[in-house]
Amino acid sequence: MNALTGMEKFSHLEDKIYLTIEYAKKMRGEKERLETEVEGLRSDAAAAIADKHLAEEKLSTLLSERDSIQLKVEAMLEAISLIDTEVAEAVGR
């Protein structure tokens, strides 16, 4: 067995320390990238929620307008049916 000398052990430890430092730098960079990405996603989510609220308000407005138009159309159809009845009676006389 070949035993490591004190200098070889120290060199090996030094290599491990430098590798650990490089790994820590890489992880710090990855953390910063992920934090930036998360902030962007939060911003996108907030915009999507705002768009959803606007769409809900618009839908509510459109449904209200539809109901109003439906009532007017029903009233016109009723008026037309009354006119048709009056015309039929007038022609039938």
C-alpha atoms as a PDB file:
ATOM      1  CA  MET A   1       0.000   0.000   0.000  1.00  0.00           C
ATOM      2  CA  ASN A   2       1.161   3.378  -0.931  1.00  0.00           C
ATOM      3  CA  ALA A   3       0.524   5.785   1.911  1.00  0.00           C
ATOM      4  CA  LEU A   4      -0.076   9.418   1.065  1.00  0.00           C
ATOM      5  CA  THR A   5       2.482  11.870   2.316  1.00  0.00           C
ATOM      6  CA  GLY A   6       1.436  14.891   4.298  1.00  0.00           C
ATOM      7  CA  MET A   7       1.915  17.158   1.263  1.00  0.00           C
ATOM      8  CA  GLU A   8      -0.186  14.870  -0.965  1.00  0.00           C
ATOM      9  CA  LYS A   9      -2.959  14.803   1.626  1.00  0.00           C
ATOM     10  CA  PHE A  10      -2.841  18.590   1.837  1.00  0.00           C
ATOM     11  CA  SER A  11      -2.951  18.916  -1.956  1.00  0.00           C
ATOM     12  CA  HIS A  12      -5.905  16.536  -2.119  1.00  0.00           C
ATOM     13  CA  LEU A  13      -7.731  18.551   0.555  1.00  0.00           C
ATOM     14  CA  GLU A  14      -6.917  21.776  -1.305  1.00  0.00           C
ATOM     15  CA  ASP A  15      -8.434  20.332  -4.507  1.00  0.00           C
ATOM     16  CA  LYS A  16     -11.595  19.382  -2.636  1.00  0.00           C
ATOM     17  CA  ILE A  17     -11.871  22.879  -1.160  1.00  0.00           C
ATOM     18  CA  TYR A  18     -11.546  24.514  -4.592  1.00  0.00           C
ATOM     19  CA  LEU A  19     -14.129  22.138  -6.038  1.00  0.00           C
ATOM     20  CA  THR A  20     -16.457  22.972  -3.141  1.00  0.00           C
ATOM     21  CA  ILE A  21     -15.967  26.697  -3.745  1.00  0.00           C
ATOM     22  CA  GLU A  22     -16.742  26.307  -7.457  1.00  0.00           C
ATOM     23  CA  TYR A  23     -19.818  24.249  -6.598  1.00  0.00           C
ATOM     24  CA  ALA A  24     -20.985  26.935  -4.141  1.00  0.00           C
ATOM     25  CA  LYS A  25     -20.524  29.642  -6.820  1.00  0.00           C
ATOM     26  CA  LYS A  26     -22.495  27.555  -9.294  1.00  0.00           C
ATOM     27  CA  MET A  27     -25.308  27.013  -6.763  1.00  0.00           C
ATOM     28  CA  ARG A  28     -25.390  30.744  -5.925  1.00  0.00           C
ATOM     29  CA  GLY A  29     -25.733  31.589  -9.617  1.00  0.00           C
ATOM     30  CA  GLU A  30     -28.458  28.981 -10.035  1.00  0.00           C
ATOM     31  CA  LYS A  31     -30.274  30.370  -6.982  1.00  0.00           C
ATOM     32  CA  GLU A  32     -30.167  33.910  -8.405  1.00  0.00           C
ATOM     33  CA  ARG A  33     -31.429  32.669 -11.782  1.00  0.00           C
ATOM     34  CA  LEU A  34     -34.296  30.813 -10.107  1.00  0.00           C
ATOM     35  CA  GLU A  35     -35.201  33.813  -7.955  1.00  0.00           C
ATOM     36  CA  THR A  36     -35.376  35.974 -11.096  1.00  0.00           C
ATOM     37  CA  GLU A  37     -37.526  33.350 -12.797  1.00  0.00           C
ATOM     38  CA  VAL A  38     -39.845  33.130  -9.776  1.00  0.00           C
ATOM     39  CA  GLU A  39     -40.245  36.919  -9.735  1.00  0.00           C
ATOM     40  CA  GLY A  40     -41.136  36.851 -13.424  1.00  0.00           C
ATOM     41  CA  LEU A  41     -43.674  34.089 -12.833  1.00  0.00           C
ATOM     42  CA  ARG A  42     -45.206  36.023  -9.952  1.00  0.00           C
ATOM     43  CA  SER A  43     -45.518  39.060 -12.185  1.00  0.00           C
ATOM     44  CA  ASP A  44     -47.106  36.944 -14.923  1.00  0.00           C
ATOM     45  CA  ALA A  45     -49.525  35.429 -12.406  1.00  0.00           C
ATOM     46  CA  ALA A  46     -50.541  38.880 -11.131  1.00  0.00           C
ATOM     47  CA  ALA A  47     -51.166  40.034 -14.711  1.00  0.00           C
ATOM     48  CA  ALA A  48     -53.197  36.899 -15.429  1.00  0.00           C
ATOM     49  CA  ILE A  49     -55.318  37.486 -12.328  1.00  0.00           C
ATOM     50  CA  ALA A  50     -55.934  41.097 -13.379  1.00  0.00           C
ATOM     51  CA  ASP A  51     -56.900  39.910 -16.880  1.00  0.00           C
ATOM     52  CA  LYS A  52     -59.243  37.336 -15.337  1.00  0.00           C
ATOM     53  CA  HIS A  53     -60.990  40.029 -13.286  1.00  0.00           C
ATOM     54  CA  LEU A  54     -61.388  42.232 -16.364  1.00  0.00           C
ATOM     55  CA  ALA A  55     -62.781  39.296 -18.340  1.00  0.00           C
ATOM     56  CA  GLU A  56     -65.240  38.481 -15.534  1.00  0.00           C
ATOM     57  CA  GLU A  57     -66.429  42.102 -15.471  1.00  0.00           C
ATOM     58  CA  LYS A  58     -66.808  42.141 -19.256  1.00  0.00           C
ATOM     59  CA  LEU A  59     -68.706  38.832 -19.161  1.00  0.00           C
ATOM     60  CA  SER A  60     -71.035  40.214 -16.508  1.00  0.00           C
ATOM     61  CA  THR A  61     -71.681  43.301 -18.640  1.00  0.00           C
ATOM     62  CA  LEU A  62     -72.301  41.223 -21.748  1.00  0.00           C
ATOM     63  CA  LEU A  63     -74.682  38.870 -19.917  1.00  0.00           C
ATOM     64  CA  SER A  64     -76.607  41.841 -18.568  1.00  0.00           C
ATOM     65  CA  GLU A  65     -76.838  43.336 -22.062  1.00  0.00           C
ATOM     66  CA  ARG A  66     -77.961  39.971 -23.445  1.00  0.00           C
ATOM     67  CA  ASP A  67     -80.743  39.739 -20.856  1.00  0.00           C
ATOM     68  CA  SER A  68     -81.868  43.278 -21.675  1.00  0.00           C
ATOM     69  CA  ILE A  69     -81.929  42.536 -25.411  1.00  0.00           C
ATOM     70  CA  GLN A  70     -83.766  39.270 -24.786  1.00  0.00           C
ATOM     71  CA  LEU A  71     -86.496  41.117 -22.875  1.00  0.00           C
ATOM     72  CA  LYS A  72     -86.822  43.674 -25.674  1.00  0.00           C
ATOM     73  CA  VAL A  73     -87.018  40.944 -28.344  1.00  0.00           C
ATOM     74  CA  GLU A  74     -89.669  39.071 -26.339  1.00  0.00           C
ATOM     75  CA  ALA A  75     -91.671  42.314 -26.013  1.00  0.00           C
ATOM     76  CA  MET A  76     -91.404  42.936 -29.770  1.00  0.00           C
ATOM     77  CA  LEU A  77     -92.466  39.342 -30.544  1.00  0.00           C
ATOM     78  CA  GLU A  78     -95.451  39.736 -28.248  1.00  0.00           C
ATOM     79  CA  ALA A  79     -96.372  43.011 -29.952  1.00  0.00           C
ATOM     80  CA  ILE A  80     -96.050  41.349 -33.365  1.00  0.00           C
ATOM     81  CA  SER A  81     -98.262  38.454 -32.290  1.00  0.00           C
ATOM     82  CA  LEU A  82    -100.886  40.951 -31.074  1.00  0.00           C
ATOM     83  CA  ILE A  83    -100.713  42.775 -34.407  1.00  0.00           C
ATOM     84  CA  ASP A  84    -101.008  39.460 -36.255  1.00  0.00           C
ATOM     85  CA  THR A  85    -104.077  38.598 -34.214  1.00  0.00           C
ATOM     86  CA  GLU A  86    -105.628  41.996 -34.935  1.00  0.00           C
ATOM     87  CA  VAL A  87    -104.810  41.696 -38.640  1.00  0.00           C
ATOM     88  CA  ALA A  88    -106.262  38.181 -38.769  1.00  0.00           C
ATOM     89  CA  GLU A  89    -109.441  39.404 -37.102  1.00  0.00           C
ATOM     90  CA  ALA A  90    -109.670  42.376 -39.466  1.00  0.00           C
ATOM     91  CA  VAL A  91    -109.200  40.187 -42.503  1.00  0.00           C
ATOM     92  CA  GLY A  92    -111.623  37.627 -41.170  1.00  0.00           C
ATOM     93  CA  ARG A  93    -114.443  40.149 -40.835  1.00  0.00           C
END
